[in-house]
Amino acid sequence: MSTNSRTIAGRSARWDGLFDFMQMASGAGLILFMWCHMILVSSVLIGPGVMNAIAEFFEATGMAQVGGPLIFLVFLVHFFLAARKVPFRFEAQKTIWSHARMMRHGDTWMWVIQAVSAMIILLMGAIHMWVVLTDLPITAAKSAARIQSGFWFVFYLILLPLVELHVGIGFYRIAVKWGFIKDDSRSMFKKKENILTVGFITIGLLTLLRFMFLN
C-alpha cells in the first residue's frame, strides 16, 4: 500500500472514530432525555397539578423553548450518524435479514430491531415534537385532550414501545461497544435492562390510560 493510501485510510479511520463517538454521545444524551421525559409526563399519575408544576418550571426557565428545538436537533444528528451503518438498498437488507436468521445471534437481532424502529421513530417522533413545541405551554389538560381524540392514543400506543425498545437496546449496545460492561456480566446487564425497559413501557401505558380518563 502506498504512503498516500495509508494516509487516506488513517484519516478515514479517525473520522469514523469521531463519528462513532458523536453517535454514542448523542445517543446517550437522548436516552437520558427520554428517561427524564417519561418522569415528567408520568407525574400526571400523581396528579395533574404535579405535572403542570414541573412543566411550568421548564416554561419559566426557558428550558422548554430552547431545550425542545435543541433536543430535536440532537435527534436528527443522531439519526444521520447512525444511518451511516444502516443498509438502505433492498439487496443489502435481504442479506442482513438472512444472516440474522442464520446466525440466530441475540445481539444481531437487537441491532435489526433498533434499525427498523429508528426509521419509524424518525417520522413519528418528529410529528410528536412538532405538535408539542408548536402548542406550548405543556399542560395536563392539553395532553389529555390530545390523547382523548382517539387518533393520538393509537399513535402513542405504537410510538411508546418502539421508543423504549430503541432506548433500551441503545443503552445496552453503548455499554457493550464502549467497554462499560465485560463479557462475563453481559447477560446479567441485558436482563436488568429488559426489566428497566418493561418498567418504562408499563409506566407509559399507565400514563396514557390516565390521560384517557382525565377530566
N, C-alpha and C. Protein backbone atom coordinates (compact mmCIF):
# COMPACT_ATOMS: atom_id res chain seq x y z
N MET A 1 0.85 -1.19 0.00
CA MET A 1 0.00 0.00 0.00
C MET A 1 0.89 1.25 0.00
N SER A 2 0.55 2.25 -0.81
CA SER A 2 1.35 3.46 -0.90
C SER A 2 1.16 4.32 0.33
N THR A 3 2.10 5.27 0.52
CA THR A 3 2.02 6.19 1.67
C THR A 3 0.76 7.02 1.61
N ASN A 4 0.39 7.46 0.40
CA ASN A 4 -0.83 8.26 0.23
C ASN A 4 -2.07 7.47 0.62
N SER A 5 -2.10 6.20 0.22
CA SER A 5 -3.26 5.35 0.54
C SER A 5 -3.37 5.14 2.05
N ARG A 6 -2.20 4.94 2.71
CA ARG A 6 -2.23 4.75 4.17
C ARG A 6 -2.69 6.02 4.87
N THR A 7 -2.29 7.16 4.34
CA THR A 7 -2.71 8.44 4.93
C THR A 7 -4.21 8.62 4.82
N ILE A 8 -4.75 8.33 3.63
CA ILE A 8 -6.20 8.45 3.41
C ILE A 8 -6.95 7.48 4.32
N ALA A 9 -6.44 6.25 4.42
CA ALA A 9 -7.09 5.25 5.28
C ALA A 9 -7.06 5.68 6.74
N GLY A 10 -5.92 6.27 7.15
CA GLY A 10 -5.81 6.75 8.53
C GLY A 10 -6.78 7.86 8.83
N ARG A 11 -6.91 8.79 7.89
CA ARG A 11 -7.87 9.89 8.07
C ARG A 11 -9.29 9.37 8.12
N SER A 12 -9.59 8.42 7.23
CA SER A 12 -10.93 7.83 7.21
C SER A 12 -11.24 7.14 8.53
N ALA A 13 -10.27 6.42 9.09
CA ALA A 13 -10.47 5.73 10.36
C ALA A 13 -10.69 6.73 11.50
N ARG A 14 -9.94 7.85 11.47
CA ARG A 14 -10.11 8.87 12.50
C ARG A 14 -11.49 9.51 12.42
N TRP A 15 -11.95 9.79 11.19
CA TRP A 15 -13.28 10.35 11.02
C TRP A 15 -14.36 9.36 11.48
N ASP A 16 -14.17 8.08 11.13
CA ASP A 16 -15.13 7.06 11.56
C ASP A 16 -15.17 6.98 13.09
N GLY A 17 -13.99 7.05 13.71
CA GLY A 17 -13.93 7.02 15.17
C GLY A 17 -14.63 8.22 15.79
N LEU A 18 -14.43 9.39 15.19
CA LEU A 18 -15.09 10.60 15.68
C LEU A 18 -16.60 10.51 15.53
N PHE A 19 -17.06 10.03 14.36
CA PHE A 19 -18.50 9.89 14.12
C PHE A 19 -19.11 8.86 15.08
N ASP A 20 -18.37 7.78 15.34
CA ASP A 20 -18.86 6.78 16.29
C ASP A 20 -19.02 7.38 17.68
N PHE A 21 -18.03 8.18 18.09
CA PHE A 21 -18.10 8.83 19.41
C PHE A 21 -19.27 9.80 19.47
N MET A 22 -19.47 10.58 18.40
CA MET A 22 -20.59 11.53 18.36
C MET A 22 -21.93 10.79 18.39
N GLN A 23 -21.99 9.65 17.71
CA GLN A 23 -23.21 8.85 17.73
C GLN A 23 -23.48 8.34 19.13
N MET A 24 -22.43 7.86 19.81
CA MET A 24 -22.59 7.38 21.18
C MET A 24 -23.01 8.51 22.11
N ALA A 25 -22.36 9.66 22.00
CA ALA A 25 -22.65 10.79 22.89
C ALA A 25 -24.08 11.31 22.67
N SER A 26 -24.47 11.47 21.41
CA SER A 26 -25.83 11.94 21.12
C SER A 26 -26.86 10.91 21.56
N GLY A 27 -26.55 9.62 21.37
CA GLY A 27 -27.46 8.56 21.80
C GLY A 27 -27.61 8.54 23.30
N ALA A 28 -26.50 8.69 24.03
CA ALA A 28 -26.55 8.70 25.50
C ALA A 28 -27.36 9.90 25.99
N GLY A 29 -27.18 11.05 25.32
CA GLY A 29 -27.94 12.23 25.70
C GLY A 29 -29.43 12.04 25.48
N LEU A 30 -29.80 11.42 24.37
CA LEU A 30 -31.21 11.17 24.07
C LEU A 30 -31.82 10.14 25.02
N ILE A 31 -31.02 9.14 25.41
CA ILE A 31 -31.50 8.16 26.39
C ILE A 31 -31.83 8.85 27.71
N LEU A 32 -30.92 9.69 28.17
CA LEU A 32 -31.15 10.43 29.42
C LEU A 32 -32.37 11.33 29.30
N PHE A 33 -32.51 11.99 28.14
CA PHE A 33 -33.67 12.85 27.93
C PHE A 33 -34.96 12.06 27.98
N MET A 34 -34.99 10.89 27.32
CA MET A 34 -36.22 10.10 27.28
C MET A 34 -36.62 9.62 28.67
N TRP A 35 -35.65 9.25 29.48
CA TRP A 35 -35.97 8.84 30.85
C TRP A 35 -36.53 10.02 31.65
N CYS A 36 -35.92 11.19 31.51
CA CYS A 36 -36.41 12.39 32.20
C CYS A 36 -37.79 12.78 31.67
N HIS A 37 -37.97 12.65 30.36
CA HIS A 37 -39.26 12.98 29.74
C HIS A 37 -40.36 12.07 30.28
N MET A 38 -40.04 10.79 30.45
CA MET A 38 -41.02 9.85 30.98
C MET A 38 -41.39 10.21 32.42
N ILE A 39 -40.40 10.63 33.20
CA ILE A 39 -40.67 11.04 34.58
C ILE A 39 -41.59 12.26 34.61
N LEU A 40 -41.32 13.22 33.71
CA LEU A 40 -42.16 14.42 33.63
C LEU A 40 -43.60 14.07 33.27
N VAL A 41 -43.78 13.33 32.19
CA VAL A 41 -45.13 13.04 31.71
C VAL A 41 -45.88 12.13 32.69
N SER A 42 -45.19 11.13 33.24
CA SER A 42 -45.85 10.19 34.15
C SER A 42 -46.17 10.81 35.50
N SER A 43 -45.68 12.04 35.76
CA SER A 43 -46.03 12.71 37.02
C SER A 43 -47.53 12.97 37.11
N VAL A 44 -48.22 12.89 35.95
CA VAL A 44 -49.68 13.04 35.97
C VAL A 44 -50.34 11.91 36.75
N LEU A 45 -49.64 10.78 36.92
CA LEU A 45 -50.17 9.68 37.72
C LEU A 45 -50.30 10.09 39.19
N ILE A 46 -49.41 11.00 39.61
CA ILE A 46 -49.52 11.53 40.98
C ILE A 46 -50.66 12.55 41.03
N GLY A 47 -50.73 13.35 39.99
CA GLY A 47 -51.79 14.35 39.91
C GLY A 47 -51.50 15.34 38.80
N PRO A 48 -52.55 15.88 38.13
CA PRO A 48 -52.36 16.87 37.06
C PRO A 48 -51.59 18.10 37.55
N GLY A 49 -51.82 18.48 38.81
CA GLY A 49 -51.13 19.64 39.35
C GLY A 49 -49.63 19.46 39.42
N VAL A 50 -49.20 18.25 39.70
CA VAL A 50 -47.77 17.95 39.77
C VAL A 50 -47.14 18.10 38.39
N MET A 51 -47.79 17.52 37.38
CA MET A 51 -47.27 17.63 36.02
C MET A 51 -47.24 19.10 35.57
N ASN A 52 -48.30 19.84 35.87
CA ASN A 52 -48.36 21.25 35.48
C ASN A 52 -47.25 22.07 36.15
N ALA A 53 -46.98 21.76 37.42
CA ALA A 53 -45.94 22.49 38.15
C ALA A 53 -44.57 22.26 37.53
N ILE A 54 -44.29 21.00 37.17
CA ILE A 54 -42.99 20.68 36.55
C ILE A 54 -42.90 21.36 35.18
N ALA A 55 -43.99 21.28 34.41
CA ALA A 55 -44.00 21.91 33.07
C ALA A 55 -43.85 23.42 33.18
N GLU A 56 -44.46 24.03 34.18
CA GLU A 56 -44.34 25.48 34.38
C GLU A 56 -42.91 25.88 34.71
N PHE A 57 -42.21 25.02 35.45
CA PHE A 57 -40.81 25.30 35.78
C PHE A 57 -39.97 25.35 34.50
N PHE A 58 -40.15 24.35 33.62
CA PHE A 58 -39.41 24.33 32.36
C PHE A 58 -39.78 25.51 31.48
N GLU A 59 -41.04 25.91 31.54
CA GLU A 59 -41.51 27.04 30.74
C GLU A 59 -40.90 28.35 31.27
N ALA A 60 -40.93 28.53 32.59
CA ALA A 60 -40.45 29.77 33.20
C ALA A 60 -38.94 29.96 33.03
N THR A 61 -38.21 28.86 33.02
CA THR A 61 -36.75 28.94 32.88
C THR A 61 -36.29 28.95 31.42
N GLY A 62 -37.25 28.82 30.49
CA GLY A 62 -36.91 28.83 29.08
C GLY A 62 -36.40 27.51 28.55
N MET A 63 -36.37 26.49 29.42
CA MET A 63 -35.85 25.19 29.01
C MET A 63 -36.74 24.53 27.96
N ALA A 64 -38.04 24.78 28.03
CA ALA A 64 -38.95 24.20 27.04
C ALA A 64 -38.75 24.84 25.67
N GLN A 65 -38.62 26.19 25.64
CA GLN A 65 -38.49 26.90 24.38
C GLN A 65 -37.14 26.64 23.71
N VAL A 66 -36.08 26.55 24.53
CA VAL A 66 -34.74 26.34 23.99
C VAL A 66 -34.40 24.85 23.91
N GLY A 67 -34.71 24.13 24.99
CA GLY A 67 -34.36 22.71 25.06
C GLY A 67 -35.09 21.86 24.05
N GLY A 68 -36.36 22.20 23.76
CA GLY A 68 -37.13 21.41 22.81
C GLY A 68 -36.49 21.39 21.42
N PRO A 69 -36.25 22.56 20.80
CA PRO A 69 -35.58 22.57 19.49
C PRO A 69 -34.18 21.96 19.54
N LEU A 70 -33.47 22.15 20.66
CA LEU A 70 -32.12 21.58 20.77
C LEU A 70 -32.17 20.06 20.76
N ILE A 71 -33.13 19.50 21.50
CA ILE A 71 -33.29 18.04 21.52
C ILE A 71 -33.65 17.54 20.13
N PHE A 72 -34.49 18.28 19.42
CA PHE A 72 -34.87 17.89 18.06
C PHE A 72 -33.64 17.87 17.15
N LEU A 73 -32.75 18.86 17.32
CA LEU A 73 -31.53 18.91 16.53
C LEU A 73 -30.63 17.72 16.83
N VAL A 74 -30.47 17.40 18.12
CA VAL A 74 -29.67 16.23 18.51
C VAL A 74 -30.29 14.96 17.96
N PHE A 75 -31.61 14.89 17.97
CA PHE A 75 -32.36 13.76 17.43
C PHE A 75 -32.02 13.53 15.96
N LEU A 76 -32.00 14.61 15.18
CA LEU A 76 -31.69 14.49 13.75
C LEU A 76 -30.22 14.13 13.53
N VAL A 77 -29.32 14.77 14.28
CA VAL A 77 -27.89 14.47 14.16
C VAL A 77 -27.62 13.00 14.48
N HIS A 78 -28.24 12.51 15.54
CA HIS A 78 -28.05 11.11 15.93
C HIS A 78 -28.54 10.17 14.84
N PHE A 79 -29.67 10.49 14.24
CA PHE A 79 -30.20 9.63 13.18
C PHE A 79 -29.25 9.57 11.99
N PHE A 80 -28.75 10.72 11.56
CA PHE A 80 -27.86 10.74 10.39
C PHE A 80 -26.54 10.04 10.67
N LEU A 81 -26.04 10.16 11.90
CA LEU A 81 -24.81 9.46 12.27
C LEU A 81 -25.03 7.95 12.27
N ALA A 82 -26.17 7.52 12.83
CA ALA A 82 -26.47 6.09 12.88
C ALA A 82 -26.79 5.53 11.50
N ALA A 83 -27.35 6.37 10.62
CA ALA A 83 -27.76 5.91 9.29
C ALA A 83 -26.57 5.50 8.43
N ARG A 84 -25.35 5.90 8.84
CA ARG A 84 -24.17 5.51 8.07
C ARG A 84 -24.03 3.99 7.98
N LYS A 85 -24.54 3.28 9.01
CA LYS A 85 -24.35 1.84 9.08
C LYS A 85 -25.64 1.05 8.82
N VAL A 86 -26.67 1.76 8.39
CA VAL A 86 -27.94 1.09 8.10
C VAL A 86 -28.05 0.86 6.60
N PRO A 87 -28.28 -0.39 6.16
CA PRO A 87 -28.41 -0.67 4.72
C PRO A 87 -29.76 -0.19 4.19
N PHE A 88 -29.74 0.66 3.17
CA PHE A 88 -30.98 1.18 2.61
C PHE A 88 -31.36 0.47 1.31
N ARG A 89 -30.39 -0.18 0.68
CA ARG A 89 -30.70 -0.94 -0.54
C ARG A 89 -31.38 -2.25 -0.19
N PHE A 90 -32.34 -2.63 -1.03
CA PHE A 90 -33.14 -3.82 -0.75
C PHE A 90 -32.28 -5.08 -0.67
N GLU A 91 -31.30 -5.21 -1.59
CA GLU A 91 -30.43 -6.39 -1.59
C GLU A 91 -29.63 -6.49 -0.31
N ALA A 92 -29.13 -5.35 0.16
CA ALA A 92 -28.36 -5.34 1.41
C ALA A 92 -29.25 -5.70 2.60
N GLN A 93 -30.49 -5.23 2.58
CA GLN A 93 -31.43 -5.56 3.66
C GLN A 93 -31.74 -7.05 3.67
N LYS A 94 -31.89 -7.64 2.49
CA LYS A 94 -32.12 -9.09 2.41
C LYS A 94 -30.94 -9.87 2.98
N THR A 95 -29.74 -9.39 2.70
CA THR A 95 -28.54 -10.05 3.20
C THR A 95 -28.47 -9.99 4.72
N ILE A 96 -28.73 -8.82 5.27
CA ILE A 96 -28.72 -8.66 6.73
C ILE A 96 -29.76 -9.57 7.36
N TRP A 97 -30.95 -9.61 6.78
CA TRP A 97 -32.05 -10.44 7.32
C TRP A 97 -31.69 -11.92 7.30
N SER A 98 -31.14 -12.37 6.18
CA SER A 98 -30.78 -13.79 6.06
C SER A 98 -29.65 -14.15 7.01
N HIS A 99 -28.68 -13.25 7.19
CA HIS A 99 -27.59 -13.51 8.12
C HIS A 99 -28.09 -13.57 9.56
N ALA A 100 -29.02 -12.68 9.91
CA ALA A 100 -29.57 -12.68 11.26
C ALA A 100 -30.31 -13.98 11.55
N ARG A 101 -31.08 -14.46 10.56
CA ARG A 101 -31.81 -15.72 10.74
C ARG A 101 -30.85 -16.91 10.83
N MET A 102 -29.79 -16.85 10.04
CA MET A 102 -28.85 -17.96 10.00
C MET A 102 -28.01 -18.02 11.29
N MET A 103 -27.56 -16.85 11.77
CA MET A 103 -26.69 -16.81 12.93
C MET A 103 -27.43 -17.05 14.23
N ARG A 104 -28.71 -16.60 14.28
CA ARG A 104 -29.52 -16.73 15.49
C ARG A 104 -28.79 -16.13 16.70
N HIS A 105 -28.22 -14.96 16.46
CA HIS A 105 -27.45 -14.27 17.48
C HIS A 105 -28.29 -13.15 18.07
N GLY A 106 -28.47 -13.17 19.39
CA GLY A 106 -29.36 -12.22 20.04
C GLY A 106 -28.98 -10.77 19.78
N ASP A 107 -27.69 -10.45 19.88
CA ASP A 107 -27.25 -9.07 19.68
C ASP A 107 -27.47 -8.61 18.24
N THR A 108 -27.38 -9.54 17.28
CA THR A 108 -27.64 -9.18 15.88
C THR A 108 -29.10 -8.81 15.69
N TRP A 109 -30.00 -9.59 16.28
CA TRP A 109 -31.42 -9.29 16.19
C TRP A 109 -31.75 -7.97 16.88
N MET A 110 -31.05 -7.67 17.98
CA MET A 110 -31.26 -6.41 18.67
C MET A 110 -30.90 -5.24 17.75
N TRP A 111 -29.81 -5.40 16.98
CA TRP A 111 -29.42 -4.35 16.05
C TRP A 111 -30.49 -4.17 14.97
N VAL A 112 -31.03 -5.29 14.47
CA VAL A 112 -32.08 -5.22 13.44
C VAL A 112 -33.30 -4.48 13.98
N ILE A 113 -33.72 -4.83 15.20
CA ILE A 113 -34.87 -4.16 15.82
C ILE A 113 -34.60 -2.68 15.99
N GLN A 114 -33.40 -2.34 16.41
CA GLN A 114 -33.06 -0.94 16.62
C GLN A 114 -33.06 -0.17 15.30
N ALA A 115 -32.54 -0.78 14.25
CA ALA A 115 -32.50 -0.11 12.94
C ALA A 115 -33.90 0.11 12.39
N VAL A 116 -34.76 -0.91 12.49
CA VAL A 116 -36.14 -0.79 11.98
C VAL A 116 -36.92 0.23 12.80
N SER A 117 -36.80 0.15 14.12
CA SER A 117 -37.54 1.08 14.98
C SER A 117 -37.09 2.51 14.75
N ALA A 118 -35.80 2.71 14.43
CA ALA A 118 -35.28 4.06 14.20
C ALA A 118 -36.00 4.75 13.05
N MET A 119 -36.30 4.00 11.98
CA MET A 119 -36.98 4.58 10.82
C MET A 119 -38.38 5.07 11.18
N ILE A 120 -39.07 4.27 12.00
CA ILE A 120 -40.43 4.64 12.39
C ILE A 120 -40.41 5.79 13.39
N ILE A 121 -39.46 5.73 14.33
CA ILE A 121 -39.35 6.78 15.34
C ILE A 121 -39.00 8.11 14.71
N LEU A 122 -38.17 8.10 13.66
CA LEU A 122 -37.80 9.34 12.99
C LEU A 122 -39.03 10.10 12.53
N LEU A 123 -39.97 9.41 11.91
CA LEU A 123 -41.19 10.05 11.42
C LEU A 123 -42.14 10.40 12.56
N MET A 124 -42.46 9.41 13.40
CA MET A 124 -43.44 9.63 14.46
C MET A 124 -42.91 10.58 15.53
N GLY A 125 -41.61 10.46 15.85
CA GLY A 125 -41.02 11.35 16.84
C GLY A 125 -41.02 12.80 16.38
N ALA A 126 -40.73 13.01 15.08
CA ALA A 126 -40.75 14.36 14.53
C ALA A 126 -42.16 14.96 14.60
N ILE A 127 -43.16 14.15 14.30
CA ILE A 127 -44.56 14.61 14.38
C ILE A 127 -44.90 14.99 15.81
N HIS A 128 -44.53 14.13 16.76
CA HIS A 128 -44.82 14.39 18.18
C HIS A 128 -44.17 15.70 18.64
N MET A 129 -42.89 15.87 18.33
CA MET A 129 -42.20 17.07 18.80
C MET A 129 -42.75 18.33 18.15
N TRP A 130 -43.12 18.24 16.87
CA TRP A 130 -43.70 19.40 16.19
C TRP A 130 -45.02 19.81 16.85
N VAL A 131 -45.87 18.82 17.12
CA VAL A 131 -47.18 19.11 17.73
C VAL A 131 -47.02 19.74 19.11
N VAL A 132 -46.11 19.20 19.91
CA VAL A 132 -45.92 19.70 21.27
C VAL A 132 -45.26 21.08 21.27
N LEU A 133 -44.19 21.26 20.48
CA LEU A 133 -43.44 22.51 20.52
C LEU A 133 -44.18 23.67 19.87
N THR A 134 -45.16 23.38 19.02
CA THR A 134 -45.95 24.46 18.41
C THR A 134 -47.22 24.74 19.21
N ASP A 135 -47.36 24.10 20.36
CA ASP A 135 -48.55 24.31 21.20
C ASP A 135 -48.15 24.47 22.66
N LEU A 136 -47.06 25.19 22.91
CA LEU A 136 -46.64 25.47 24.28
C LEU A 136 -47.60 26.47 24.92
N PRO A 137 -47.77 26.45 26.25
CA PRO A 137 -47.08 25.60 27.22
C PRO A 137 -47.70 24.21 27.32
N ILE A 138 -46.92 23.29 27.84
CA ILE A 138 -47.41 21.93 28.07
C ILE A 138 -48.25 21.92 29.34
N THR A 139 -49.43 21.34 29.25
CA THR A 139 -50.29 21.18 30.43
C THR A 139 -50.92 19.80 30.40
N ALA A 140 -51.36 19.34 31.57
CA ALA A 140 -52.02 18.04 31.65
C ALA A 140 -53.32 18.06 30.86
N ALA A 141 -54.03 19.19 30.88
CA ALA A 141 -55.31 19.29 30.18
C ALA A 141 -55.11 19.17 28.66
N LYS A 142 -54.09 19.86 28.13
CA LYS A 142 -53.82 19.77 26.70
C LYS A 142 -53.44 18.35 26.30
N SER A 143 -52.59 17.74 27.09
CA SER A 143 -52.16 16.36 26.78
C SER A 143 -53.33 15.41 26.82
N ALA A 144 -54.20 15.58 27.81
CA ALA A 144 -55.37 14.71 27.93
C ALA A 144 -56.31 14.89 26.74
N ALA A 145 -56.53 16.15 26.34
CA ALA A 145 -57.42 16.42 25.21
C ALA A 145 -56.88 15.78 23.94
N ARG A 146 -55.56 15.85 23.76
CA ARG A 146 -54.95 15.25 22.57
C ARG A 146 -55.11 13.73 22.59
N ILE A 147 -54.83 13.10 23.71
CA ILE A 147 -54.93 11.65 23.82
C ILE A 147 -56.37 11.19 23.63
N GLN A 148 -57.32 11.94 24.17
CA GLN A 148 -58.73 11.55 24.12
C GLN A 148 -59.34 11.72 22.74
N SER A 149 -58.60 12.31 21.81
CA SER A 149 -59.12 12.45 20.44
C SER A 149 -59.20 11.11 19.72
N GLY A 150 -58.54 10.09 20.26
CA GLY A 150 -58.60 8.75 19.66
C GLY A 150 -57.38 8.44 18.82
N PHE A 151 -57.14 9.26 17.80
CA PHE A 151 -56.01 9.04 16.91
C PHE A 151 -54.69 9.06 17.67
N TRP A 152 -54.53 10.04 18.54
CA TRP A 152 -53.27 10.20 19.26
C TRP A 152 -53.05 9.08 20.27
N PHE A 153 -54.12 8.52 20.80
CA PHE A 153 -53.96 7.39 21.72
C PHE A 153 -53.32 6.21 20.99
N VAL A 154 -53.81 5.91 19.79
CA VAL A 154 -53.24 4.83 18.98
C VAL A 154 -51.82 5.19 18.55
N PHE A 155 -51.62 6.45 18.19
CA PHE A 155 -50.31 6.94 17.77
C PHE A 155 -49.27 6.66 18.86
N TYR A 156 -49.58 7.06 20.09
CA TYR A 156 -48.63 6.87 21.19
C TYR A 156 -48.56 5.42 21.65
N LEU A 157 -49.62 4.68 21.40
CA LEU A 157 -49.61 3.26 21.73
C LEU A 157 -48.60 2.52 20.85
N ILE A 158 -48.34 3.04 19.67
CA ILE A 158 -47.32 2.48 18.77
C ILE A 158 -45.95 3.06 19.10
N LEU A 159 -45.90 4.39 19.27
CA LEU A 159 -44.62 5.07 19.48
C LEU A 159 -43.96 4.68 20.80
N LEU A 160 -44.75 4.55 21.85
CA LEU A 160 -44.20 4.28 23.19
C LEU A 160 -43.31 3.04 23.25
N PRO A 161 -43.82 1.85 22.89
CA PRO A 161 -42.95 0.66 22.98
C PRO A 161 -41.77 0.71 22.02
N LEU A 162 -41.96 1.33 20.84
CA LEU A 162 -40.85 1.44 19.89
C LEU A 162 -39.71 2.27 20.47
N VAL A 163 -40.06 3.40 21.09
CA VAL A 163 -39.04 4.28 21.68
C VAL A 163 -38.33 3.58 22.82
N GLU A 164 -39.09 2.94 23.71
CA GLU A 164 -38.47 2.30 24.87
C GLU A 164 -37.60 1.11 24.46
N LEU A 165 -38.03 0.36 23.45
CA LEU A 165 -37.19 -0.72 22.93
C LEU A 165 -35.91 -0.16 22.33
N HIS A 166 -36.05 0.89 21.55
CA HIS A 166 -34.89 1.51 20.90
C HIS A 166 -33.92 2.06 21.95
N VAL A 167 -34.46 2.72 22.95
CA VAL A 167 -33.63 3.29 24.02
C VAL A 167 -32.94 2.19 24.82
N GLY A 168 -33.71 1.15 25.17
CA GLY A 168 -33.13 0.05 25.95
C GLY A 168 -32.02 -0.66 25.22
N ILE A 169 -32.25 -0.97 23.94
CA ILE A 169 -31.22 -1.65 23.14
C ILE A 169 -30.02 -0.73 22.96
N GLY A 170 -30.28 0.56 22.74
CA GLY A 170 -29.20 1.51 22.57
C GLY A 170 -28.33 1.61 23.81
N PHE A 171 -28.96 1.62 24.97
CA PHE A 171 -28.23 1.68 26.24
C PHE A 171 -27.34 0.46 26.39
N TYR A 172 -27.88 -0.70 26.06
CA TYR A 172 -27.11 -1.95 26.15
C TYR A 172 -25.95 -1.95 25.17
N ARG A 173 -26.19 -1.55 23.92
CA ARG A 173 -25.15 -1.59 22.90
C ARG A 173 -24.04 -0.57 23.19
N ILE A 174 -24.39 0.59 23.75
CA ILE A 174 -23.36 1.56 24.14
C ILE A 174 -22.47 0.98 25.22
N ALA A 175 -23.11 0.34 26.21
CA ALA A 175 -22.35 -0.25 27.32
C ALA A 175 -21.41 -1.34 26.84
N VAL A 176 -21.86 -2.14 25.86
CA VAL A 176 -21.04 -3.23 25.33
C VAL A 176 -19.92 -2.69 24.44
N LYS A 177 -20.28 -1.83 23.49
CA LYS A 177 -19.32 -1.35 22.50
C LYS A 177 -18.19 -0.55 23.13
N TRP A 178 -18.52 0.26 24.13
CA TRP A 178 -17.53 1.15 24.73
C TRP A 178 -16.91 0.58 26.00
N GLY A 179 -17.15 -0.70 26.26
CA GLY A 179 -16.45 -1.41 27.32
C GLY A 179 -16.89 -1.11 28.73
N PHE A 180 -18.13 -0.59 28.89
CA PHE A 180 -18.62 -0.31 30.24
C PHE A 180 -19.02 -1.59 30.99
N ILE A 181 -19.32 -2.64 30.22
CA ILE A 181 -19.60 -3.94 30.83
C ILE A 181 -18.72 -5.00 30.15
N LYS A 182 -18.33 -5.99 30.91
CA LYS A 182 -17.48 -7.05 30.40
C LYS A 182 -18.33 -8.23 29.93
N ASP A 183 -17.69 -9.15 29.20
CA ASP A 183 -18.40 -10.30 28.64
C ASP A 183 -19.07 -11.14 29.70
N ASP A 184 -18.43 -11.30 30.86
CA ASP A 184 -18.98 -12.18 31.88
C ASP A 184 -20.20 -11.58 32.58
N SER A 185 -20.39 -10.26 32.45
CA SER A 185 -21.55 -9.62 33.08
C SER A 185 -22.59 -9.15 32.07
N ARG A 186 -22.35 -9.48 30.78
CA ARG A 186 -23.25 -9.01 29.73
C ARG A 186 -24.66 -9.57 29.89
N SER A 187 -24.77 -10.86 30.18
CA SER A 187 -26.08 -11.50 30.30
C SER A 187 -26.89 -10.88 31.43
N MET A 188 -26.27 -10.64 32.58
CA MET A 188 -26.97 -10.05 33.71
C MET A 188 -27.39 -8.62 33.40
N PHE A 189 -26.51 -7.87 32.74
CA PHE A 189 -26.82 -6.49 32.37
C PHE A 189 -28.02 -6.46 31.42
N LYS A 190 -28.04 -7.38 30.46
CA LYS A 190 -29.14 -7.44 29.50
C LYS A 190 -30.47 -7.73 30.20
N LYS A 191 -30.46 -8.64 31.18
CA LYS A 191 -31.68 -8.96 31.92
C LYS A 191 -32.18 -7.73 32.68
N LYS A 192 -31.26 -7.02 33.32
CA LYS A 192 -31.65 -5.82 34.08
C LYS A 192 -32.18 -4.74 33.15
N GLU A 193 -31.57 -4.62 31.97
CA GLU A 193 -32.03 -3.64 31.00
C GLU A 193 -33.41 -4.00 30.47
N ASN A 194 -33.68 -5.29 30.27
CA ASN A 194 -35.01 -5.74 29.84
C ASN A 194 -36.06 -5.38 30.88
N ILE A 195 -35.71 -5.57 32.16
CA ILE A 195 -36.64 -5.22 33.24
C ILE A 195 -36.91 -3.72 33.24
N LEU A 196 -35.85 -2.93 33.05
CA LEU A 196 -35.99 -1.48 33.01
C LEU A 196 -36.88 -1.05 31.84
N THR A 197 -36.68 -1.68 30.68
CA THR A 197 -37.48 -1.34 29.50
C THR A 197 -38.95 -1.67 29.72
N VAL A 198 -39.22 -2.86 30.24
CA VAL A 198 -40.61 -3.26 30.53
C VAL A 198 -41.23 -2.31 31.55
N GLY A 199 -40.43 -1.89 32.53
CA GLY A 199 -40.92 -0.96 33.54
C GLY A 199 -41.33 0.37 32.93
N PHE A 200 -40.51 0.91 32.04
CA PHE A 200 -40.84 2.19 31.41
C PHE A 200 -42.05 2.06 30.48
N ILE A 201 -42.15 0.94 29.77
CA ILE A 201 -43.32 0.73 28.91
C ILE A 201 -44.59 0.65 29.76
N THR A 202 -44.52 -0.04 30.89
CA THR A 202 -45.67 -0.15 31.79
C THR A 202 -46.09 1.21 32.32
N ILE A 203 -45.10 2.01 32.77
CA ILE A 203 -45.40 3.35 33.27
C ILE A 203 -46.01 4.20 32.16
N GLY A 204 -45.49 4.06 30.94
CA GLY A 204 -46.03 4.81 29.81
C GLY A 204 -47.46 4.45 29.50
N LEU A 205 -47.77 3.15 29.54
CA LEU A 205 -49.15 2.71 29.28
C LEU A 205 -50.11 3.21 30.35
N LEU A 206 -49.67 3.16 31.60
CA LEU A 206 -50.49 3.68 32.70
C LEU A 206 -50.73 5.18 32.54
N THR A 207 -49.71 5.89 32.06
CA THR A 207 -49.83 7.34 31.84
C THR A 207 -50.83 7.62 30.73
N LEU A 208 -50.78 6.85 29.64
CA LEU A 208 -51.75 7.01 28.56
C LEU A 208 -53.17 6.80 29.06
N LEU A 209 -53.36 5.76 29.85
CA LEU A 209 -54.69 5.47 30.39
C LEU A 209 -55.16 6.59 31.33
N ARG A 210 -54.23 7.15 32.09
CA ARG A 210 -54.58 8.26 32.99
C ARG A 210 -55.05 9.46 32.18
N PHE A 211 -54.38 9.76 31.08
CA PHE A 211 -54.79 10.86 30.23
C PHE A 211 -56.16 10.60 29.60
N MET A 212 -56.41 9.33 29.24
CA MET A 212 -57.68 8.98 28.61
C MET A 212 -58.86 9.26 29.50
N PHE A 213 -58.67 9.13 30.81
CA PHE A 213 -59.79 9.30 31.74
C PHE A 213 -59.64 10.55 32.61
N LEU A 214 -58.80 11.47 32.17
CA LEU A 214 -58.61 12.70 32.92
C LEU A 214 -59.63 13.73 32.47
N ASN A 215 -60.40 14.26 33.40
CA ASN A 215 -61.43 15.25 33.07
C ASN A 215 -60.79 16.62 32.87
